[in-house]
């Protein structure tokens, strides 16, 4: 499960806010021990430590005024998301994909 995401050709960035809102709900469920019917028994017996929060970077040539208005409203309602969202005004050719290490790789690295 990727924790860093990019909303490319983001426009007003609404997709990024949906991703962060879903992450808030997922983290809340995980922390409080709420699990869907589809979760396995192994998932339900794990410790209640919160996973790393998701971050989203929007990329587009121009950030429209609507993106700033939406961001202000979301941050006012969910202040914890402010540090997890960013908007970069750039051509998409400047985006360089990377392959993220898995959580297992992170734990075995010295």
C-alpha atoms as a PDB file:
ATOM      1  CA  UNK A   1       0.000   0.000   0.000  1.00  0.00           C
ATOM      2  CA  UNK A   2       1.563   3.245  -1.153  1.00  0.00           C
ATOM      3  CA  UNK A   3       1.759   6.040   1.388  1.00  0.00           C
ATOM      4  CA  UNK A   4       3.085   8.761  -0.958  1.00  0.00           C
ATOM      5  CA  UNK A   5       0.880   9.567  -3.896  1.00  0.00           C
ATOM      6  CA  UNK A   6       0.767  12.086  -6.719  1.00  0.00           C
ATOM      7  CA  UNK A   7      -2.306  13.632  -8.302  1.00  0.00           C
ATOM      8  CA  UNK A   8      -1.023  14.409 -11.811  1.00  0.00           C
ATOM      9  CA  UNK A   9      -2.754  16.997 -13.989  1.00  0.00           C
ATOM     10  CA  UNK A  10      -4.465  17.771 -10.703  1.00  0.00           C
ATOM     11  CA  UNK A  11      -6.517  20.805 -11.631  1.00  0.00           C
ATOM     12  CA  UNK A  12      -8.311  21.764  -8.432  1.00  0.00           C
ATOM     13  CA  UNK A  13      -6.833  18.755  -6.573  1.00  0.00           C
ATOM     14  CA  UNK A  14     -10.102  17.176  -5.508  1.00  0.00           C
ATOM     15  CA  UNK A  15      -8.768  13.629  -6.018  1.00  0.00           C
ATOM     16  CA  UNK A  16      -5.926  14.340  -3.584  1.00  0.00           C
ATOM     17  CA  UNK A  17      -8.352  15.467  -0.891  1.00  0.00           C
ATOM     18  CA  UNK A  18     -10.470  12.330  -1.372  1.00  0.00           C
ATOM     19  CA  UNK A  19      -7.367  10.173  -0.948  1.00  0.00           C
ATOM     20  CA  UNK A  20      -6.417  12.004   2.251  1.00  0.00           C
ATOM     21  CA  UNK A  21      -9.979  11.851   3.605  1.00  0.00           C
ATOM     22  CA  UNK A  22     -10.100   8.096   2.990  1.00  0.00           C
ATOM     23  CA  UNK A  23      -6.769   7.789   4.760  1.00  0.00           C
ATOM     24  CA  UNK A  24      -8.176   9.626   7.793  1.00  0.00           C
ATOM     25  CA  UNK A  25     -11.091   7.193   7.908  1.00  0.00           C
ATOM     26  CA  UNK A  26      -8.814   4.159   7.461  1.00  0.00           C
ATOM     27  CA  UNK A  27      -6.434   5.311  10.192  1.00  0.00           C
ATOM     28  CA  UNK A  28      -9.336   6.020  12.546  1.00  0.00           C
ATOM     29  CA  UNK A  29     -10.788   2.547  11.954  1.00  0.00           C
ATOM     30  CA  UNK A  30      -7.382   0.926  12.428  1.00  0.00           C
ATOM     31  CA  UNK A  31      -6.636   2.856  15.600  1.00  0.00           C
ATOM     32  CA  UNK A  32     -10.025   2.156  17.184  1.00  0.00           C
ATOM     33  CA  UNK A  33     -10.064  -1.494  16.160  1.00  0.00           C
ATOM     34  CA  UNK A  34     -12.967  -1.179  13.726  1.00  0.00           C
ATOM     35  CA  UNK A  35     -12.594  -3.668  10.885  1.00  0.00           C
ATOM     36  CA  UNK A  36     -14.683  -4.381   7.853  1.00  0.00           C
ATOM     37  CA  UNK A  37     -16.247  -7.779   7.329  1.00  0.00           C
ATOM     38  CA  UNK A  38     -13.680  -8.398   4.613  1.00  0.00           C
ATOM     39  CA  UNK A  39     -10.726  -8.124   6.986  1.00  0.00           C
ATOM     40  CA  UNK A  40      -8.957 -11.322   7.912  1.00  0.00           C
ATOM     41  CA  UNK A  41      -8.591 -12.769  11.395  1.00  0.00           C
ATOM     42  CA  UNK A  42      -4.875 -11.997  11.236  1.00  0.00           C
ATOM     43  CA  UNK A  43      -5.655  -8.327  10.554  1.00  0.00           C
ATOM     44  CA  UNK A  44      -7.961  -8.168  13.580  1.00  0.00           C
ATOM     45  CA  UNK A  45      -5.297  -9.529  15.942  1.00  0.00           C
ATOM     46  CA  UNK A  46      -2.566  -7.054  15.028  1.00  0.00           C
ATOM     47  CA  UNK A  47      -1.541  -4.293  17.393  1.00  0.00           C
ATOM     48  CA  UNK A  48      -3.304  -0.970  17.189  1.00  0.00           C
ATOM     49  CA  UNK A  49      -0.382   1.123  16.018  1.00  0.00           C
ATOM     50  CA  UNK A  50      -1.244   3.659  13.379  1.00  0.00           C
ATOM     51  CA  UNK A  51       0.326   3.266   9.938  1.00  0.00           C
ATOM     52  CA  UNK A  52       2.371   6.042   8.432  1.00  0.00           C
ATOM     53  CA  UNK A  53       0.045   8.769   7.160  1.00  0.00           C
ATOM     54  CA  UNK A  54      -0.521   9.116   3.433  1.00  0.00           C
ATOM     55  CA  UNK A  55       0.802  12.234   1.715  1.00  0.00           C
ATOM     56  CA  UNK A  56      -0.349  13.568  -1.642  1.00  0.00           C
ATOM     57  CA  UNK A  57       1.376  15.995  -3.982  1.00  0.00           C
ATOM     58  CA  UNK A  58      -0.668  17.634  -6.712  1.00  0.00           C
ATOM     59  CA  UNK A  59       1.151  18.548  -9.916  1.00  0.00           C
ATOM     60  CA  UNK A  60      -0.210  20.744 -12.663  1.00  0.00           C
ATOM     61  CA  UNK A  61       1.029  23.605 -14.833  1.00  0.00           C
ATOM     62  CA  UNK A  62      -1.156  26.084 -12.988  1.00  0.00           C
ATOM     63  CA  UNK A  63      -2.933  25.933  -9.637  1.00  0.00           C
ATOM     64  CA  UNK A  64      -6.419  27.352 -10.183  1.00  0.00           C
ATOM     65  CA  UNK A  65      -8.077  29.576  -7.606  1.00  0.00           C
ATOM     66  CA  UNK A  66     -10.538  26.750  -6.902  1.00  0.00           C
ATOM     67  CA  UNK A  67      -7.665  24.560  -5.637  1.00  0.00           C
ATOM     68  CA  UNK A  68      -6.714  27.186  -3.080  1.00  0.00           C
ATOM     69  CA  UNK A  69     -10.338  27.574  -1.954  1.00  0.00           C
ATOM     70  CA  UNK A  70     -10.794  23.811  -1.573  1.00  0.00           C
ATOM     71  CA  UNK A  71      -7.464  23.495   0.275  1.00  0.00           C
ATOM     72  CA  UNK A  72      -8.395  26.261   2.710  1.00  0.00           C
ATOM     73  CA  UNK A  73     -11.763  24.621   3.450  1.00  0.00           C
ATOM     74  CA  UNK A  74     -10.243  21.149   3.915  1.00  0.00           C
ATOM     75  CA  UNK A  75      -7.438  22.419   6.146  1.00  0.00           C
ATOM     76  CA  UNK A  76      -9.909  24.404   8.248  1.00  0.00           C
ATOM     77  CA  UNK A  77     -11.998  21.249   8.779  1.00  0.00           C
ATOM     78  CA  UNK A  78      -9.042  18.793   9.004  1.00  0.00           C
ATOM     79  CA  UNK A  79      -5.969  20.712  10.233  1.00  0.00           C
ATOM     80  CA  UNK A  80      -3.884  17.516  10.430  1.00  0.00           C
ATOM     81  CA  UNK A  81      -3.968  17.285   6.628  1.00  0.00           C
ATOM     82  CA  UNK A  82      -2.086  20.524   6.047  1.00  0.00           C
ATOM     83  CA  UNK A  83       1.359  18.932   6.324  1.00  0.00           C
ATOM     84  CA  UNK A  84       0.257  15.968   4.206  1.00  0.00           C
ATOM     85  CA  UNK A  85      -0.862  17.903   1.092  1.00  0.00           C
ATOM     86  CA  UNK A  86       1.130  19.989  -1.347  1.00  0.00           C
ATOM     87  CA  UNK A  87       0.660  21.526  -4.781  1.00  0.00           C
ATOM     88  CA  UNK A  88       3.497  21.928  -7.265  1.00  0.00           C
ATOM     89  CA  UNK A  89       3.020  24.150 -10.299  1.00  0.00           C
ATOM     90  CA  UNK A  90       5.115  22.440 -12.932  1.00  0.00           C
ATOM     91  CA  UNK A  91       4.960  20.676 -16.252  1.00  0.00           C
ATOM     92  CA  UNK A  92       4.347  16.941 -15.871  1.00  0.00           C
ATOM     93  CA  UNK A  93       7.627  16.243 -17.659  1.00  0.00           C
ATOM     94  CA  UNK A  94       9.359  17.307 -14.430  1.00  0.00           C
ATOM     95  CA  UNK A  95       7.827  14.370 -12.527  1.00  0.00           C
ATOM     96  CA  UNK A  96      10.204  11.448 -12.073  1.00  0.00           C
ATOM     97  CA  UNK A  97       8.635   8.191 -10.853  1.00  0.00           C
ATOM     98  CA  UNK A  98      10.449   6.175  -8.220  1.00  0.00           C
ATOM     99  CA  UNK A  99       9.968   2.707  -6.868  1.00  0.00           C
ATOM    100  CA  UNK A 100       9.283   2.944  -3.152  1.00  0.00           C
ATOM    101  CA  UNK A 101      10.787   0.445  -0.753  1.00  0.00           C
ATOM    102  CA  UNK A 102       8.319  -1.855   0.923  1.00  0.00           C
ATOM    103  CA  UNK A 103       7.783  -1.636   4.662  1.00  0.00           C
ATOM    104  CA  UNK A 104       9.689  -4.949   5.038  1.00  0.00           C
ATOM    105  CA  UNK A 105      12.655  -3.444   3.179  1.00  0.00           C
ATOM    106  CA  UNK A 106      12.585  -0.410   5.490  1.00  0.00           C
ATOM    107  CA  UNK A 107      12.719  -2.605   8.585  1.00  0.00           C
ATOM    108  CA  UNK A 108      15.642  -4.700   7.373  1.00  0.00           C
ATOM    109  CA  UNK A 109      17.800  -1.764   6.296  1.00  0.00           C
ATOM    110  CA  UNK A 110      20.563  -0.925   8.747  1.00  0.00           C
END
